[in-house]
Amino acid sequence: AQIAQTRPADNFLCCEVHEPGVGALLKLCGE
C-alpha cells in the first residue's frame, strides 16, 4: 500500500494466496 501511494502513476498487480493478507490489503485499498 505504501509503494502504491508513493508511485501513483504506476499500476500494481498483486498476487497472494494468504487469505488474511488479501483481506488486509483490500481494507487498505478501500480505506
All heavy atoms as atom14 arrays in JSON, in Angstrom:
{
  "sequence": "AQIAQTRPADNFLCCEVHEPGVGALLKLCGE",
  "atom14_mask": [
    [1, 1, 1, 1, 1, 0, 0, 0, 0, 0, 0, 0, 0, 0],
    [1, 1, 1, 1, 1, 1, 1, 1, 1, 0, 0, 0, 0, 0],
    [1, 1, 1, 1, 1, 1, 1, 1, 0, 0, 0, 0, 0, 0],
    [1, 1, 1, 1, 1, 0, 0, 0, 0, 0, 0, 0, 0, 0],
    [1, 1, 1, 1, 1, 1, 1, 1, 1, 0, 0, 0, 0, 0],
    [1, 1, 1, 1, 1, 1, 1, 0, 0, 0, 0, 0, 0, 0],
    [1, 1, 1, 1, 1, 1, 1, 1, 1, 1, 1, 0, 0, 0],
    [1, 1, 1, 1, 1, 1, 1, 0, 0, 0, 0, 0, 0, 0],
    [1, 1, 1, 1, 1, 0, 0, 0, 0, 0, 0, 0, 0, 0],
    [1, 1, 1, 1, 1, 1, 1, 1, 0, 0, 0, 0, 0, 0],
    [1, 1, 1, 1, 1, 1, 1, 1, 0, 0, 0, 0, 0, 0],
    [1, 1, 1, 1, 1, 1, 1, 1, 1, 1, 1, 0, 0, 0],
    [1, 1, 1, 1, 1, 1, 1, 1, 0, 0, 0, 0, 0, 0],
    [1, 1, 1, 1, 1, 1, 0, 0, 0, 0, 0, 0, 0, 0],
    [1, 1, 1, 1, 1, 1, 0, 0, 0, 0, 0, 0, 0, 0],
    [1, 1, 1, 1, 1, 1, 1, 1, 1, 0, 0, 0, 0, 0],
    [1, 1, 1, 1, 1, 1, 1, 0, 0, 0, 0, 0, 0, 0],
    [1, 1, 1, 1, 1, 1, 1, 1, 1, 1, 0, 0, 0, 0],
    [1, 1, 1, 1, 1, 1, 1, 1, 1, 0, 0, 0, 0, 0],
    [1, 1, 1, 1, 1, 1, 1, 0, 0, 0, 0, 0, 0, 0],
    [1, 1, 1, 1, 0, 0, 0, 0, 0, 0, 0, 0, 0, 0],
    [1, 1, 1, 1, 1, 1, 1, 0, 0, 0, 0, 0, 0, 0],
    [1, 1, 1, 1, 0, 0, 0, 0, 0, 0, 0, 0, 0, 0],
    [1, 1, 1, 1, 1, 0, 0, 0, 0, 0, 0, 0, 0, 0],
    [1, 1, 1, 1, 1, 1, 1, 1, 0, 0, 0, 0, 0, 0],
    [1, 1, 1, 1, 1, 1, 1, 1, 0, 0, 0, 0, 0, 0],
    [1, 1, 1, 1, 1, 1, 1, 1, 1, 0, 0, 0, 0, 0],
    [1, 1, 1, 1, 1, 1, 1, 1, 0, 0, 0, 0, 0, 0],
    [1, 1, 1, 1, 1, 1, 0, 0, 0, 0, 0, 0, 0, 0],
    [1, 1, 1, 1, 0, 0, 0, 0, 0, 0, 0, 0, 0, 0],
    [1, 1, 1, 1, 1, 1, 1, 1, 1, 0, 0, 0, 0, 0]
  ],
  "atom14_positions": [
    [[0.83, -1.2, 0.0], [0.0, 0.0, 0.0], [0.86, 1.25, 0.0], [0.57, 2.24, -0.71], [-0.93, -0.01, 1.21], [0.0, 0.0, 0.0], [0.0, 0.0, 0.0], [0.0, 0.0, 0.0], [0.0, 0.0, 0.0], [0.0, 0.0, 0.0], [0.0, 0.0, 0.0], [0.0, 0.0, 0.0], [0.0, 0.0, 0.0], [0.0, 0.0, 0.0]],
    [[1.96, 1.25, 0.77], [2.84, 2.42, 0.81], [3.5, 2.66, -0.54], [3.63, 3.8, -0.99], [3.9, 2.23, 1.89], [3.36, 2.28, 3.3], [4.49, 2.2, 4.33], [5.43, 2.97, 4.32], [4.39, 1.23, 5.22], [0.0, 0.0, 0.0], [0.0, 0.0, 0.0], [0.0, 0.0, 0.0], [0.0, 0.0, 0.0], [0.0, 0.0, 0.0]],
    [[3.92, 1.58, -1.19], [4.55, 1.73, -2.51], [3.55, 2.3, -3.51], [3.87, 3.19, -4.31], [5.11, 0.38, -3.0], [6.28, -0.06, -2.11], [5.57, 0.48, -4.45], [6.76, -1.48, -2.37], [0.0, 0.0, 0.0], [0.0, 0.0, 0.0], [0.0, 0.0, 0.0], [0.0, 0.0, 0.0], [0.0, 0.0, 0.0], [0.0, 0.0, 0.0]],
    [[2.32, 1.8, -3.48], [1.29, 2.3, -4.4], [1.01, 3.77, -4.17], [0.76, 4.53, -5.12], [0.02, 1.47, -4.25], [0.0, 0.0, 0.0], [0.0, 0.0, 0.0], [0.0, 0.0, 0.0], [0.0, 0.0, 0.0], [0.0, 0.0, 0.0], [0.0, 0.0, 0.0], [0.0, 0.0, 0.0], [0.0, 0.0, 0.0], [0.0, 0.0, 0.0]],
    [[1.03, 4.2, -2.9], [0.85, 5.61, -2.61], [2.02, 6.44, -3.13], [1.83, 7.55, -3.65], [0.72, 5.82, -1.1], [-0.6, 5.39, -0.5], [-0.66, 5.67, 0.99], [0.34, 5.52, 1.7], [-1.82, 6.06, 1.47], [0.0, 0.0, 0.0], [0.0, 0.0, 0.0], [0.0, 0.0, 0.0], [0.0, 0.0, 0.0], [0.0, 0.0, 0.0]],
    [[3.23, 5.9, -3.0], [4.43, 6.61, -3.42], [4.51, 6.73, -4.94], [5.07, 7.71, -5.46], [5.68, 5.87, -2.9], [5.62, 5.81, -1.48], [6.97, 6.56, -3.32], [0.0, 0.0, 0.0], [0.0, 0.0, 0.0], [0.0, 0.0, 0.0], [0.0, 0.0, 0.0], [0.0, 0.0, 0.0], [0.0, 0.0, 0.0], [0.0, 0.0, 0.0]],
    [[3.93, 5.75, -5.65], [4.03, 5.71, -7.11], [2.64, 5.68, -7.73], [2.23, 4.69, -8.34], [4.87, 4.5, -7.53], [6.31, 4.59, -7.04], [7.08, 3.3, -7.23], [7.05, 2.8, -8.59], [7.72, 1.73, -9.02], [8.52, 1.08, -8.17], [7.64, 1.32, -10.25], [0.0, 0.0, 0.0], [0.0, 0.0, 0.0], [0.0, 0.0, 0.0]],
    [[1.9, 6.76, -7.64], [0.51, 6.77, -8.14], [0.4, 6.63, -9.65], [-0.68, 6.29, -10.15], [-0.03, 8.12, -7.66], [1.19, 8.99, -7.53], [2.27, 8.07, -7.06], [0.0, 0.0, 0.0], [0.0, 0.0, 0.0], [0.0, 0.0, 0.0], [0.0, 0.0, 0.0], [0.0, 0.0, 0.0], [0.0, 0.0, 0.0], [0.0, 0.0, 0.0]],
    [[1.47, 6.88, -10.39], [1.41, 6.79, -11.85], [1.55, 5.35, -12.35], [1.39, 5.1, -13.55], [2.5, 7.66, -12.47], [0.0, 0.0, 0.0], [0.0, 0.0, 0.0], [0.0, 0.0, 0.0], [0.0, 0.0, 0.0], [0.0, 0.0, 0.0], [0.0, 0.0, 0.0], [0.0, 0.0, 0.0], [0.0, 0.0, 0.0], [0.0, 0.0, 0.0]],
    [[1.85, 4.4, -11.45], [2.03, 3.01, -11.84], [0.85, 2.16, -11.37], [0.23, 2.45, -10.34], [3.31, 2.44, -11.24], [4.56, 3.11, -11.79], [4.54, 3.54, -12.96], [5.56, 3.21, -11.05], [0.0, 0.0, 0.0], [0.0, 0.0, 0.0], [0.0, 0.0, 0.0], [0.0, 0.0, 0.0], [0.0, 0.0, 0.0], [0.0, 0.0, 0.0]],
    [[0.56, 1.11, -12.13], [-0.44, 0.11, -11.73], [0.26, -1.08, -11.1], [1.26, -1.56, -11.64], [-1.24, -0.37, -12.94], [-2.19, 0.7, -13.48], [-2.56, 1.62, -12.77], [-2.57, 0.56, -14.75], [0.0, 0.0, 0.0], [0.0, 0.0, 0.0], [0.0, 0.0, 0.0], [0.0, 0.0, 0.0], [0.0, 0.0, 0.0], [0.0, 0.0, 0.0]],
    [[-0.29, -1.57, -9.98], [0.32, -2.68, -9.24], [-0.61, -3.89, -9.25], [-1.72, -3.84, -8.71], [0.66, -2.26, -7.81], [1.76, -1.25, -7.76], [1.48, 0.11, -7.81], [3.09, -1.65, -7.72], [2.5, 1.05, -7.81], [4.12, -0.72, -7.72], [3.83, 0.64, -7.76], [0.0, 0.0, 0.0], [0.0, 0.0, 0.0], [0.0, 0.0, 0.0]],
    [[-0.14, -4.95, -9.89], [-0.87, -6.21, -9.99], [-0.28, -7.15, -8.94], [0.86, -7.59, -9.07], [-0.73, -6.79, -11.39], [-1.5, -8.07, -11.69], [-3.0, -7.81, -11.66], [-1.09, -8.62, -13.05], [0.0, 0.0, 0.0], [0.0, 0.0, 0.0], [0.0, 0.0, 0.0], [0.0, 0.0, 0.0], [0.0, 0.0, 0.0], [0.0, 0.0, 0.0]],
    [[-1.05, -7.46, -7.91], [-0.53, -8.14, -6.72], [-1.11, -9.54, -6.59], [-2.33, -9.71, -6.68], [-0.86, -7.32, -5.48], [-0.29, -5.61, -5.59], [0.0, 0.0, 0.0], [0.0, 0.0, 0.0], [0.0, 0.0, 0.0], [0.0, 0.0, 0.0], [0.0, 0.0, 0.0], [0.0, 0.0, 0.0], [0.0, 0.0, 0.0], [0.0, 0.0, 0.0]],
    [[-0.24, -10.52, -6.36], [-0.66, -11.92, -6.23], [-0.31, -12.43, -4.84], [0.83, -12.3, -4.4], [0.02, -12.79, -7.28], [-0.45, -12.42, -8.98], [0.0, 0.0, 0.0], [0.0, 0.0, 0.0], [0.0, 0.0, 0.0], [0.0, 0.0, 0.0], [0.0, 0.0, 0.0], [0.0, 0.0, 0.0], [0.0, 0.0, 0.0], [0.0, 0.0, 0.0]],
    [[-1.29, -13.03, -4.18], [-1.09, -13.58, -2.84], [-2.16, -14.65, -2.6], [-3.3, -14.51, -3.05], [-1.23, -12.46, -1.8], [-1.12, -12.9, -0.35], [0.23, -13.55, -0.05], [1.24, -12.84, 0.05], [0.23, -14.8, 0.09], [0.0, 0.0, 0.0], [0.0, 0.0, 0.0], [0.0, 0.0, 0.0], [0.0, 0.0, 0.0], [0.0, 0.0, 0.0]],
    [[-1.78, -15.73, -1.91], [-2.73, -16.8, -1.61], [-3.17, -16.81, -0.16], [-4.1, -17.52, 0.2], [-2.14, -18.19, -1.98], [-1.89, -18.28, -3.47], [-0.86, -18.46, -1.19], [0.0, 0.0, 0.0], [0.0, 0.0, 0.0], [0.0, 0.0, 0.0], [0.0, 0.0, 0.0], [0.0, 0.0, 0.0], [0.0, 0.0, 0.0], [0.0, 0.0, 0.0]],
    [[-2.52, -16.02, 0.69], [-2.82, -15.99, 2.12], [-4.07, -15.12, 2.33], [-4.03, -13.9, 2.18], [-1.62, -15.4, 2.86], [-1.72, -15.39, 4.34], [-1.9, -16.52, 5.09], [-1.66, -14.35, 5.22], [-1.94, -16.2, 6.37], [-1.8, -14.89, 6.47], [0.0, 0.0, 0.0], [0.0, 0.0, 0.0], [0.0, 0.0, 0.0], [0.0, 0.0, 0.0]],
    [[-5.19, -15.73, 2.68], [-6.47, -15.01, 2.72], [-6.48, -13.84, 3.69], [-7.0, -12.76, 3.36], [-7.62, -15.97, 3.0], [-7.91, -16.9, 1.83], [-9.23, -17.63, 1.98], [-9.97, -17.33, 2.95], [-9.54, -18.47, 1.14], [0.0, 0.0, 0.0], [0.0, 0.0, 0.0], [0.0, 0.0, 0.0], [0.0, 0.0, 0.0], [0.0, 0.0, 0.0]],
    [[-5.96, -13.98, 4.93], [-5.93, -12.81, 5.8], [-5.12, -11.65, 5.21], [-5.49, -10.49, 5.38], [-5.3, -13.34, 7.09], [-5.61, -14.8, 7.09], [-5.52, -15.21, 5.64], [0.0, 0.0, 0.0], [0.0, 0.0, 0.0], [0.0, 0.0, 0.0], [0.0, 0.0, 0.0], [0.0, 0.0, 0.0], [0.0, 0.0, 0.0], [0.0, 0.0, 0.0]],
    [[-4.02, -11.97, 4.53], [-3.22, -10.93, 3.9], [-3.98, -10.22, 2.8], [-3.92, -8.99, 2.68], [0.0, 0.0, 0.0], [0.0, 0.0, 0.0], [0.0, 0.0, 0.0], [0.0, 0.0, 0.0], [0.0, 0.0, 0.0], [0.0, 0.0, 0.0], [0.0, 0.0, 0.0], [0.0, 0.0, 0.0], [0.0, 0.0, 0.0], [0.0, 0.0, 0.0]],
    [[-4.7, -10.99, 1.98], [-5.51, -10.38, 0.93], [-6.57, -9.48, 1.55], [-6.81, -8.35, 1.09], [-6.14, -11.46, 0.04], [-7.13, -10.84, -0.95], [-5.06, -12.23, -0.71], [0.0, 0.0, 0.0], [0.0, 0.0, 0.0], [0.0, 0.0, 0.0], [0.0, 0.0, 0.0], [0.0, 0.0, 0.0], [0.0, 0.0, 0.0], [0.0, 0.0, 0.0]],
    [[-7.22, -9.97, 2.61], [-8.22, -9.15, 3.28], [-7.64, -7.87, 3.84], [-8.26, -6.8, 3.77], [0.0, 0.0, 0.0], [0.0, 0.0, 0.0], [0.0, 0.0, 0.0], [0.0, 0.0, 0.0], [0.0, 0.0, 0.0], [0.0, 0.0, 0.0], [0.0, 0.0, 0.0], [0.0, 0.0, 0.0], [0.0, 0.0, 0.0], [0.0, 0.0, 0.0]],
    [[-6.43, -7.96, 4.41], [-5.79, -6.77, 4.97], [-5.48, -5.74, 3.9], [-5.68, -4.53, 4.09], [-4.51, -7.18, 5.71], [0.0, 0.0, 0.0], [0.0, 0.0, 0.0], [0.0, 0.0, 0.0], [0.0, 0.0, 0.0], [0.0, 0.0, 0.0], [0.0, 0.0, 0.0], [0.0, 0.0, 0.0], [0.0, 0.0, 0.0], [0.0, 0.0, 0.0]],
    [[-4.97, -6.2, 2.73], [-4.68, -5.25, 1.67], [-5.96, -4.68, 1.08], [-6.01, -3.49, 0.74], [-3.83, -5.91, 0.58], [-3.4, -4.98, -0.57], [-2.68, -3.74, -0.05], [-2.53, -5.73, -1.58], [0.0, 0.0, 0.0], [0.0, 0.0, 0.0], [0.0, 0.0, 0.0], [0.0, 0.0, 0.0], [0.0, 0.0, 0.0], [0.0, 0.0, 0.0]],
    [[-7.0, -5.49, 0.96], [-8.28, -4.96, 0.49], [-8.77, -3.83, 1.4], [-9.27, -2.8, 0.93], [-9.33, -6.07, 0.45], [-9.26, -7.05, -0.72], [-10.24, -8.2, -0.5], [-9.58, -6.34, -2.04], [0.0, 0.0, 0.0], [0.0, 0.0, 0.0], [0.0, 0.0, 0.0], [0.0, 0.0, 0.0], [0.0, 0.0, 0.0], [0.0, 0.0, 0.0]],
    [[-8.6, -4.02, 2.69], [-9.02, -3.0, 3.65], [-8.24, -1.71, 3.43], [-8.8, -0.6, 3.43], [-8.82, -3.52, 5.08], [-9.38, -2.64, 6.19], [-9.3, -3.39, 7.52], [-9.95, -2.6, 8.65], [-9.18, -1.41, 9.02], [0.0, 0.0, 0.0], [0.0, 0.0, 0.0], [0.0, 0.0, 0.0], [0.0, 0.0, 0.0], [0.0, 0.0, 0.0]],
    [[-6.92, -1.82, 3.24], [-6.1, -0.65, 2.99], [-6.48, 0.02, 1.67], [-6.55, 1.25, 1.59], [-4.62, -1.05, 2.96], [-4.01, -1.48, 4.29], [-2.61, -2.05, 4.08], [-3.96, -0.32, 5.27], [0.0, 0.0, 0.0], [0.0, 0.0, 0.0], [0.0, 0.0, 0.0], [0.0, 0.0, 0.0], [0.0, 0.0, 0.0], [0.0, 0.0, 0.0]],
    [[-6.72, -0.78, 0.64], [-7.11, -0.21, -0.66], [-8.4, 0.59, -0.54], [-8.5, 1.71, -1.07], [-7.3, -1.33, -1.69], [-5.78, -2.11, -2.25], [0.0, 0.0, 0.0], [0.0, 0.0, 0.0], [0.0, 0.0, 0.0], [0.0, 0.0, 0.0], [0.0, 0.0, 0.0], [0.0, 0.0, 0.0], [0.0, 0.0, 0.0], [0.0, 0.0, 0.0]],
    [[-9.38, 0.02, 0.16], [-10.65, 0.7, 0.3], [-10.56, 1.94, 1.15], [-11.1, 3.0, 0.79], [0.0, 0.0, 0.0], [0.0, 0.0, 0.0], [0.0, 0.0, 0.0], [0.0, 0.0, 0.0], [0.0, 0.0, 0.0], [0.0, 0.0, 0.0], [0.0, 0.0, 0.0], [0.0, 0.0, 0.0], [0.0, 0.0, 0.0], [0.0, 0.0, 0.0]],
    [[-9.87, 1.83, 2.28], [-9.79, 2.96, 3.2], [-8.94, 4.11, 2.65], [-9.22, 5.28, 2.92], [-9.23, 2.49, 4.54], [-10.17, 1.57, 5.31], [-9.56, 1.04, 6.59], [-8.33, 1.18, 6.78], [-10.31, 0.49, 7.41], [0.0, 0.0, 0.0], [0.0, 0.0, 0.0], [0.0, 0.0, 0.0], [0.0, 0.0, 0.0], [0.0, 0.0, 0.0]]
  ]
}
